[in-house]
Protein backbone atom coordinates (compact mmCIF):
# COMPACT_ATOMS: atom_id res chain seq x y z
CA UNK A 1 -26.58 0.19 -0.38
CA UNK A 2 -25.39 -3.30 -0.95
CA UNK A 3 -26.45 -3.20 -4.74
CA UNK A 4 -23.71 -0.50 -5.27
CA UNK A 5 -21.01 -2.98 -4.41
CA UNK A 6 -19.16 -4.59 -7.37
CA UNK A 7 -20.13 -8.23 -7.78
CA UNK A 8 -17.53 -10.32 -9.51
CA UNK A 9 -19.43 -13.22 -10.76
CA UNK A 10 -18.02 -16.43 -12.17
CA UNK A 11 -14.49 -15.44 -11.58
CA UNK A 12 -13.27 -18.85 -12.71
CA UNK A 13 -14.24 -17.97 -16.32
CA UNK A 14 -12.17 -15.97 -18.54
CA UNK A 15 -13.80 -12.86 -19.93
CA UNK A 16 -12.85 -11.00 -23.17
CA UNK A 17 -13.91 -7.62 -24.29
CA UNK A 18 -12.91 -6.56 -27.98
CA UNK A 19 -13.75 -3.48 -29.73
CA UNK A 20 -12.70 -3.77 -33.37
CA UNK A 21 -14.83 -0.83 -34.57
CA UNK A 22 -13.75 2.81 -34.67
CA UNK A 23 -16.65 4.87 -33.46
CA UNK A 24 -17.15 8.34 -34.77
CA UNK A 25 -20.14 10.48 -33.88
CA UNK A 26 -21.49 14.10 -34.22
CA UNK A 27 -24.45 16.21 -35.17
CA UNK A 28 -24.05 16.62 -39.16
CA UNK A 29 -21.01 14.60 -39.39
CA UNK A 30 -22.50 12.49 -42.23
CA UNK A 31 -21.29 15.08 -44.62
CA UNK A 32 -17.81 13.64 -43.88
CA UNK A 33 -18.74 10.18 -44.56
CA UNK A 34 -17.17 9.78 -47.89
CA UNK A 35 -13.75 11.05 -46.65
CA UNK A 36 -13.82 8.79 -43.43
CA UNK A 37 -14.81 5.69 -45.47
CA UNK A 38 -12.25 6.41 -48.14
CA UNK A 39 -9.45 6.14 -45.34
CA UNK A 40 -10.44 2.41 -45.21
CA UNK A 41 -8.85 1.94 -48.54
CA UNK A 42 -11.91 1.21 -50.56
CA UNK A 43 -12.75 2.54 -54.01
CA UNK A 44 -16.12 1.00 -54.88
CA UNK A 45 -18.74 0.31 -52.12
CA UNK A 46 -21.81 -1.51 -51.96
CA UNK A 47 -24.56 0.50 -49.98
CA UNK A 48 -26.81 -1.85 -48.18
CA UNK A 49 -30.24 -0.58 -47.15
CA UNK A 50 -33.92 -1.37 -47.43
CA UNK A 51 -36.47 0.06 -50.02
CA UNK A 52 -38.29 2.23 -47.34
CA UNK A 53 -35.17 3.90 -46.19
CA UNK A 54 -33.97 4.37 -49.78
CA UNK A 55 -37.52 5.69 -51.14
CA UNK A 56 -37.59 8.25 -48.21
CA UNK A 57 -34.46 9.76 -49.27
CA UNK A 58 -32.55 8.90 -46.26
CA UNK A 59 -29.46 7.60 -48.07
CA UNK A 60 -28.99 10.53 -50.33
CA UNK A 61 -26.69 12.59 -47.99
CA UNK A 62 -24.42 9.45 -47.53
CA UNK A 63 -24.40 8.78 -51.37
CA UNK A 64 -23.51 12.47 -52.08
CA UNK A 65 -20.69 12.32 -49.51
CA UNK A 66 -19.35 9.10 -51.03
CA UNK A 67 -19.44 10.29 -54.56
CA UNK A 68 -17.82 13.67 -53.63
CA UNK A 69 -14.88 11.74 -52.02
CA UNK A 70 -14.57 9.97 -55.48
CA UNK A 71 -16.11 6.55 -54.42
CA UNK A 72 -18.10 4.60 -56.69
CA UNK A 73 -21.44 3.38 -55.25
CA UNK A 74 -23.38 0.28 -55.99
CA UNK A 75 -27.00 0.21 -54.46
CA UNK A 76 -28.34 -2.86 -52.76
CA UNK A 77 -31.97 -1.89 -51.67
CA UNK A 78 -33.56 -5.45 -50.94
CA UNK A 79 -32.89 -5.76 -47.15
CA UNK A 80 -35.76 -7.21 -45.42
CA UNK A 81 -36.89 -7.24 -41.76
CA UNK A 82 -35.26 -10.23 -39.92
CA UNK A 83 -32.98 -10.58 -42.83
CA UNK A 84 -33.15 -14.08 -44.59
CA UNK A 85 -30.18 -15.97 -46.00
CA UNK A 86 -31.66 -15.67 -49.58
CA UNK A 87 -31.17 -11.79 -49.52
CA UNK A 88 -27.64 -12.20 -48.07
CA UNK A 89 -26.87 -14.43 -50.89
CA UNK A 90 -28.29 -11.99 -53.26
CA UNK A 91 -26.34 -9.10 -52.12
CA UNK A 92 -23.21 -11.18 -52.12
CA UNK A 93 -23.89 -11.89 -55.90
CA UNK A 94 -24.20 -8.18 -56.68
CA UNK A 95 -21.16 -7.42 -54.62
CA UNK A 96 -18.94 -10.00 -56.76
CA UNK A 97 -20.65 -8.90 -60.04
CA UNK A 98 -19.64 -5.26 -59.45
CA UNK A 99 -16.04 -6.14 -58.18
CA UNK A 100 -16.84 -3.99 -54.90
CA UNK A 101 -14.24 -3.71 -52.28
CA UNK A 102 -16.31 -2.46 -49.34
CA UNK A 103 -19.64 -2.21 -47.66
CA UNK A 104 -21.63 0.60 -46.17
CA UNK A 105 -24.85 -0.24 -44.44
CA UNK A 106 -27.32 2.61 -43.84
CA UNK A 107 -30.55 1.74 -41.66
CA UNK A 108 -31.45 -0.27 -38.74
CA UNK A 109 -30.18 -3.72 -37.45
CA UNK A 110 -31.58 -5.54 -40.51
CA UNK A 111 -29.39 -3.53 -43.00
CA UNK A 112 -26.33 -3.76 -40.72
CA UNK A 113 -26.79 -7.54 -40.06
CA UNK A 114 -27.39 -8.09 -43.80
CA UNK A 115 -24.13 -6.24 -44.76
CA UNK A 116 -22.13 -8.32 -42.17
CA UNK A 117 -23.62 -11.55 -43.52
CA UNK A 118 -22.58 -10.45 -47.14
CA UNK A 119 -19.11 -9.70 -45.68
CA UNK A 120 -18.87 -13.28 -44.40
CA UNK A 121 -19.77 -14.71 -47.61
CA UNK A 122 -17.46 -12.45 -49.63
CA UNK A 123 -14.58 -13.34 -47.27
CA UNK A 124 -15.12 -16.99 -46.81
CA UNK A 125 -17.14 -18.20 -49.87
CA UNK A 126 -20.35 -20.36 -49.73
CA UNK A 127 -23.47 -19.26 -47.77
CA UNK A 128 -23.65 -17.44 -44.52
CA UNK A 129 -25.60 -20.47 -43.30
CA UNK A 130 -22.51 -22.52 -43.12
CA UNK A 131 -21.07 -20.22 -40.52
CA UNK A 132 -23.67 -20.26 -38.03
CA UNK A 133 -22.40 -20.06 -34.49
CA UNK A 134 -23.09 -23.58 -33.58
CA UNK A 135 -21.34 -26.92 -33.10
CA UNK A 136 -20.41 -28.60 -36.22
CA UNK A 137 -20.49 -25.40 -38.39
CA UNK A 138 -17.59 -23.64 -39.84
CA UNK A 139 -15.75 -21.09 -37.72
CA UNK A 140 -14.98 -17.49 -39.14
CA UNK A 141 -11.37 -17.36 -40.14
CA UNK A 142 -11.06 -14.05 -42.09
CA UNK A 143 -11.84 -10.41 -41.59
CA UNK A 144 -14.90 -9.20 -43.71
CA UNK A 145 -14.14 -6.54 -46.26
CA UNK A 146 -14.16 -2.92 -44.89
CA UNK A 147 -17.58 -2.37 -43.44
CA UNK A 148 -19.15 0.97 -42.27
CA UNK A 149 -22.26 0.96 -40.32
CA UNK A 150 -24.51 4.11 -40.40
CA UNK A 151 -27.48 3.80 -38.14
CA UNK A 152 -30.78 5.62 -38.81
CA UNK A 153 -32.42 4.16 -35.73
CA UNK A 154 -31.47 4.04 -32.11
CA UNK A 155 -31.83 0.49 -30.93
CA UNK A 156 -30.14 -2.46 -32.10
CA UNK A 157 -26.51 -1.40 -31.43
CA UNK A 158 -25.72 -3.60 -34.58
CA UNK A 159 -23.32 -0.76 -35.46
CA UNK A 160 -20.93 -1.96 -32.84
CA UNK A 161 -21.82 -5.59 -32.15
CA UNK A 162 -19.93 -8.50 -33.21
CA UNK A 163 -22.90 -10.51 -34.42
CA UNK A 164 -25.27 -10.86 -37.14
CA UNK A 165 -28.64 -12.27 -36.74
CA UNK A 166 -29.95 -14.23 -39.92
CA UNK A 167 -33.14 -16.12 -40.64
CA UNK A 168 -33.12 -19.48 -42.06
CA UNK A 169 -36.60 -19.49 -43.59
CA UNK A 170 -36.46 -23.25 -44.10
CA UNK A 171 -35.93 -23.95 -40.52
CA UNK A 172 -38.11 -21.02 -39.30
CA UNK A 173 -34.97 -20.20 -37.12
CA UNK A 174 -32.80 -17.05 -36.54
CA UNK A 175 -29.15 -17.79 -36.08
CA UNK A 176 -26.06 -15.92 -35.14
CA UNK A 177 -22.85 -15.54 -36.81
CA UNK A 178 -19.92 -13.50 -35.61
CA UNK A 179 -16.94 -12.72 -33.48
CA UNK A 180 -14.52 -9.89 -33.90
CA UNK A 181 -13.95 -10.78 -37.33
CA UNK A 182 -17.42 -9.72 -38.46
CA UNK A 183 -17.46 -6.35 -36.67
CA UNK A 184 -17.73 -3.23 -38.55
CA UNK A 185 -14.44 -1.41 -39.21
CA UNK A 186 -16.17 1.99 -38.59
CA UNK A 187 -19.50 3.42 -37.50
CA UNK A 188 -20.72 6.84 -38.23
CA UNK A 189 -23.40 8.04 -35.78
CA UNK A 190 -25.22 11.22 -36.68
CA UNK A 191 -28.56 11.96 -34.91
CA UNK A 192 -29.58 14.07 -37.77
CA UNK A 193 -30.37 10.75 -39.65
CA UNK A 194 -32.70 9.84 -36.78
CA UNK A 195 -34.98 12.77 -36.63
CA UNK A 196 -37.56 11.33 -39.17
CA UNK A 197 -38.12 8.16 -37.26
CA UNK A 198 -41.86 7.87 -36.46
CA UNK A 199 -42.79 7.79 -32.69
CA UNK A 200 -43.50 3.85 -32.72
CA UNK A 201 -40.12 3.25 -34.25
CA UNK A 202 -38.50 5.53 -31.82
CA UNK A 203 -40.15 3.39 -29.00
CA UNK A 204 -39.62 -0.01 -30.07
CA UNK A 205 -35.94 0.52 -30.95
CA UNK A 206 -35.38 2.50 -27.84
CA UNK A 207 -36.71 -0.25 -25.50
CA UNK A 208 -34.67 -2.77 -27.60
CA UNK A 209 -31.52 -0.85 -26.60
CA UNK A 210 -32.76 -0.66 -23.06
CA UNK A 211 -33.20 -4.51 -23.20
CA UNK A 212 -29.70 -5.08 -24.29
CA UNK A 213 -28.44 -2.93 -21.37
CA UNK A 214 -30.70 -4.53 -18.76
CA UNK A 215 -29.95 -8.14 -19.81
CA UNK A 216 -26.31 -7.82 -20.44
CA UNK A 217 -26.03 -6.12 -16.91
CA UNK A 218 -27.91 -8.84 -15.23
CA UNK A 219 -26.61 -12.06 -17.31
CA UNK A 220 -24.26 -14.51 -15.70
CA UNK A 221 -21.35 -13.58 -17.97
CA UNK A 222 -21.43 -9.85 -17.02
CA UNK A 223 -18.03 -8.04 -16.38
CA UNK A 224 -17.01 -4.48 -15.28
CA UNK A 225 -16.61 -2.93 -18.69
CA UNK A 226 -19.94 -4.31 -19.96
CA UNK A 227 -21.44 -3.18 -16.65
CA UNK A 228 -20.18 0.47 -17.16
CA UNK A 229 -21.66 0.74 -20.58
CA UNK A 230 -24.86 -0.89 -19.81
CA UNK A 231 -25.60 1.35 -16.79
CA UNK A 232 -24.89 4.55 -18.84
CA UNK A 233 -27.13 3.28 -21.54
CA UNK A 234 -29.98 2.76 -19.17
CA UNK A 235 -29.40 6.34 -17.75
CA UNK A 236 -29.47 7.79 -21.23
CA UNK A 237 -32.64 5.92 -22.20
CA UNK A 238 -34.37 6.85 -19.01
CA UNK A 239 -33.54 10.53 -19.76
CA UNK A 240 -34.20 10.92 -23.39
CA UNK A 241 -36.58 8.27 -24.79
CA UNK A 242 -39.90 10.07 -23.86
CA UNK A 243 -38.46 13.28 -25.34
CA UNK A 244 -37.49 11.73 -28.45
CA UNK A 245 -40.83 9.86 -28.77
CA UNK A 246 -42.74 13.04 -28.06
CA UNK A 247 -40.58 15.34 -30.36
CA UNK A 248 -38.73 13.79 -33.20
CA UNK A 249 -36.76 16.90 -33.91
CA UNK A 250 -35.40 17.11 -30.35
CA UNK A 251 -31.74 16.72 -31.50
CA UNK A 252 -30.38 16.51 -28.06
CA UNK A 253 -32.66 13.46 -27.25
CA UNK A 254 -31.98 11.87 -30.55
CA UNK A 255 -28.26 12.26 -29.83
CA UNK A 256 -28.71 10.77 -26.30
CA UNK A 257 -30.67 7.92 -27.69
CA UNK A 258 -28.10 7.20 -30.39
CA UNK A 259 -25.38 7.09 -27.66
CA UNK A 260 -27.60 4.85 -25.53
CA UNK A 261 -28.02 2.49 -28.48
CA UNK A 262 -24.28 2.28 -29.17
CA UNK A 263 -23.42 1.83 -25.56
CA UNK A 264 -25.85 -0.90 -25.03
CA UNK A 265 -24.56 -2.59 -28.17
CA UNK A 266 -20.98 -2.57 -26.75
CA UNK A 267 -22.47 -4.27 -23.53
CA UNK A 268 -24.17 -6.91 -25.89
CA UNK A 269 -21.37 -7.12 -28.39
CA UNK A 270 -18.97 -9.23 -26.59
CA UNK A 271 -21.15 -11.62 -24.64
CA UNK A 272 -24.77 -12.49 -24.78
CA UNK A 273 -28.11 -11.47 -23.46
CA UNK A 274 -30.94 -13.36 -21.59
CA UNK A 275 -34.52 -14.76 -21.87
CA UNK A 276 -36.09 -11.74 -23.53
CA UNK A 277 -33.83 -11.94 -26.49
CA UNK A 278 -34.00 -15.69 -26.63
CA UNK A 279 -37.74 -15.31 -26.78
CA UNK A 280 -37.72 -12.46 -29.28
CA UNK A 281 -35.00 -14.09 -31.60
CA UNK A 282 -36.87 -17.39 -31.77
CA UNK A 283 -40.23 -15.79 -32.17
CA UNK A 284 -38.81 -13.61 -34.94
CA UNK A 285 -37.70 -16.67 -36.94
CA UNK A 286 -41.37 -18.12 -37.00
CA UNK A 287 -43.37 -14.95 -37.50
CA UNK A 288 -41.99 -11.90 -39.18
CA UNK A 289 -42.57 -9.38 -36.43
CA UNK A 290 -40.17 -6.41 -35.74
CA UNK A 291 -37.66 -7.60 -33.24
CA UNK A 292 -37.68 -4.38 -31.08
CA UNK A 293 -41.58 -4.40 -30.95
CA UNK A 294 -41.75 -7.98 -29.53
CA UNK A 295 -38.61 -7.70 -27.17
CA UNK A 296 -40.21 -4.57 -25.72
CA UNK A 297 -43.34 -6.40 -24.69
CA UNK A 298 -41.30 -9.24 -23.33
CA UNK A 299 -38.87 -7.30 -21.25
CA UNK A 300 -41.14 -6.58 -18.33
CA UNK A 301 -42.29 -10.16 -17.81
CA UNK A 302 -38.93 -11.50 -18.19
CA UNK A 303 -37.56 -9.03 -15.53
CA UNK A 304 -40.44 -10.10 -13.21
CA UNK A 305 -39.43 -13.59 -13.47
CA UNK A 306 -35.57 -12.75 -13.24
CA UNK A 307 -35.29 -10.35 -10.43
CA UNK A 308 -34.90 -12.97 -7.85
CA UNK A 309 -31.78 -14.22 -9.51
CA UNK A 310 -29.85 -10.91 -9.02
CA UNK A 311 -31.75 -8.43 -6.64
CA UNK A 312 -28.76 -6.17 -6.13
CA UNK A 313 -28.34 -5.71 -9.77
CA UNK A 314 -31.99 -5.10 -10.34
CA UNK A 315 -32.08 -2.56 -7.55
CA UNK A 316 -29.04 -0.74 -9.37
CA UNK A 317 -31.18 -0.79 -12.52
CA UNK A 318 -33.99 0.96 -10.75
CA UNK A 319 -31.47 3.71 -9.73
CA UNK A 320 -30.30 3.97 -13.44
CA UNK A 321 -33.87 4.41 -14.50
CA UNK A 322 -34.26 7.25 -12.03
CA UNK A 323 -36.28 5.52 -9.29
CA UNK A 324 -35.62 7.05 -5.87
CA UNK A 325 -34.58 4.09 -4.05
CA UNK A 326 -33.10 5.76 -1.08
CA UNK A 327 -35.64 4.36 1.55
CA UNK A 328 -36.24 1.10 -0.13
CA UNK A 329 -34.83 -2.30 0.75
CA UNK A 330 -32.76 -4.04 -1.99
CA UNK A 331 -35.94 -6.29 -2.83
CA UNK A 332 -38.28 -3.29 -2.93
CA UNK A 333 -35.72 -1.47 -5.33
CA UNK A 334 -35.52 -4.53 -7.51
CA UNK A 335 -39.23 -4.91 -7.86
CA UNK A 336 -39.36 -1.11 -8.67
CA UNK A 337 -37.18 -1.73 -11.65
CA UNK A 338 -39.53 -4.26 -13.10
CA UNK A 339 -42.65 -1.97 -12.60
CA UNK A 340 -40.81 1.12 -14.14
CA UNK A 341 -40.21 -1.05 -17.29
CA UNK A 342 -44.02 -1.84 -17.30
CA UNK A 343 -44.80 1.79 -16.96
CA UNK A 344 -42.36 2.92 -19.69
CA UNK A 345 -43.73 0.27 -22.21
CA UNK A 346 -47.31 1.47 -21.54
CA UNK A 347 -46.48 5.19 -21.92
CA UNK A 348 -44.75 4.42 -25.23
CA UNK A 349 -47.82 2.70 -26.61
CA UNK A 350 -46.03 -0.49 -27.57
CA UNK A 351 -48.71 -3.06 -28.97
CA UNK A 352 -49.21 -6.26 -27.17
CA UNK A 353 -48.09 -9.50 -28.53
CA UNK A 354 -51.59 -10.31 -29.52
CA UNK A 355 -51.80 -6.99 -31.42
CA UNK A 356 -48.45 -7.86 -33.12
CA UNK A 357 -50.32 -11.08 -34.63
CA UNK A 358 -48.81 -13.63 -32.26
CA UNK A 359 -51.54 -15.87 -31.16
CA UNK A 360 -51.70 -17.21 -27.62
CA UNK A 361 -51.99 -20.92 -28.87
CA UNK A 362 -48.39 -20.70 -29.96
CA UNK A 363 -47.15 -20.31 -26.38
CA UNK A 364 -46.14 -24.00 -26.08
CA UNK A 365 -44.12 -24.13 -29.32
CA UNK A 366 -42.56 -20.62 -28.52
CA UNK A 367 -41.47 -21.79 -25.04
CA UNK A 368 -39.93 -24.95 -26.47
CA UNK A 369 -37.86 -22.68 -29.11
CA UNK A 370 -36.89 -20.04 -26.79
CA UNK A 371 -35.33 -22.95 -24.48
CA UNK A 372 -33.12 -23.91 -27.30
CA UNK A 373 -31.67 -20.42 -27.90
CA UNK A 374 -28.13 -20.11 -26.52
CA UNK A 375 -29.08 -16.78 -24.86
CA UNK A 376 -31.11 -18.83 -22.44
CA UNK A 377 -27.72 -19.82 -20.66
CA UNK A 378 -26.77 -16.34 -19.78
CA UNK A 379 -30.06 -15.54 -18.05
CA UNK A 380 -29.66 -14.75 -14.24
CA UNK A 381 -32.30 -17.33 -13.22
CA UNK A 382 -32.41 -20.84 -14.16
CA UNK A 383 -35.07 -21.62 -16.84
CA UNK A 384 -37.23 -24.45 -17.91
CA UNK A 385 -39.75 -24.77 -20.70
CA UNK A 386 -42.46 -24.36 -18.13
CA UNK A 387 -40.74 -21.14 -16.93
CA UNK A 388 -40.94 -19.95 -20.47
CA UNK A 389 -44.60 -20.75 -20.74
CA UNK A 390 -45.29 -18.70 -17.56
CA UNK A 391 -43.22 -15.61 -18.92
CA UNK A 392 -45.33 -15.90 -22.28
CA UNK A 393 -48.46 -16.22 -20.22
CA UNK A 394 -47.53 -13.06 -18.36
CA UNK A 395 -47.24 -11.31 -21.77
CA UNK A 396 -50.82 -12.07 -22.38
CA UNK A 397 -52.03 -11.45 -18.74
CA UNK A 398 -53.07 -15.17 -18.51
CA UNK A 399 -51.38 -15.55 -15.14
CA UNK A 400 -51.41 -12.88 -12.33
CA UNK A 401 -48.80 -10.29 -11.79
CA UNK A 402 -46.48 -11.23 -8.78
CA UNK A 403 -45.20 -7.70 -7.79
């Protein structure tokens, strides 16, 4: 069908894909973490994680492996969701006080983004706030200290992305800092660390990975290499997410979802996303809701708005998600992709925005904020504040479905 043809968009723009991170993965490979991290030339690492992961004992195997390799370990367990500048500042202070020479992040995206932020402050001085990816801010000029990322969820892809998303609490705003200099030096992916994820975390992080893949595949800056990893990530999510949600100990499903998150992170890591991430990122700076949970609920309405901007690509998404599109037109297949997402979000019991504590009367403000996010400009369909208001109203079923 026509959607299978390669569509080279915006050929006048120069595209770049960089992969500064060495990726190592395998069942049970965390036992080798210490020796692998030691090869980076570090002797005293600061392990960055959150209190919940630490109290659940999920860092013990990593700590043991590090110590067996002769590495000193300094613990920083104060990571918060939607990591704020103040926590990054606090971690940097501890890093300097203990004369650490490397970072190990264990957890989800918040732990990994916090570690990246600490790396920026250590290598550049000052606060990470000074290095916001925005006009008038300082550019990154130095490689961060050796960073190893060890994900315990399968969603954010932060283990391989070149960005950290940090919250400026004073502005109620989440900002990006990044580029190749901020990427992890090494990521270790072991699905055995994922089996204790509860179903709701499996669901929201898995849909977050899917949203990275879908948005990066349909964005205006897509390129062949990001297309390739994004499509495979979609196929893996479609095959494995329901199994991982239903049976946390299904190690094959956990491995598949870990790969999906990493691949989707690669598609996201070199460019940008689209409206769903513009919405989720700006919302998360105002109300402290889990990123994966809110982007999951937004993905369907955003796709419902967007499909007309790239119908052939949306048809290919349907195929990647396992929809039988053989007898469908391109437009029918594109719409089927949207409906498949609505079905998946319902099956995985993702709570609505209202259930997440986001009131409807915030829609005008949230629409305005989303319009300011740079990810708006990668979206496959042109957007206005009124369009964002419509998408938000769809999230609350305040306007009728158009498919």
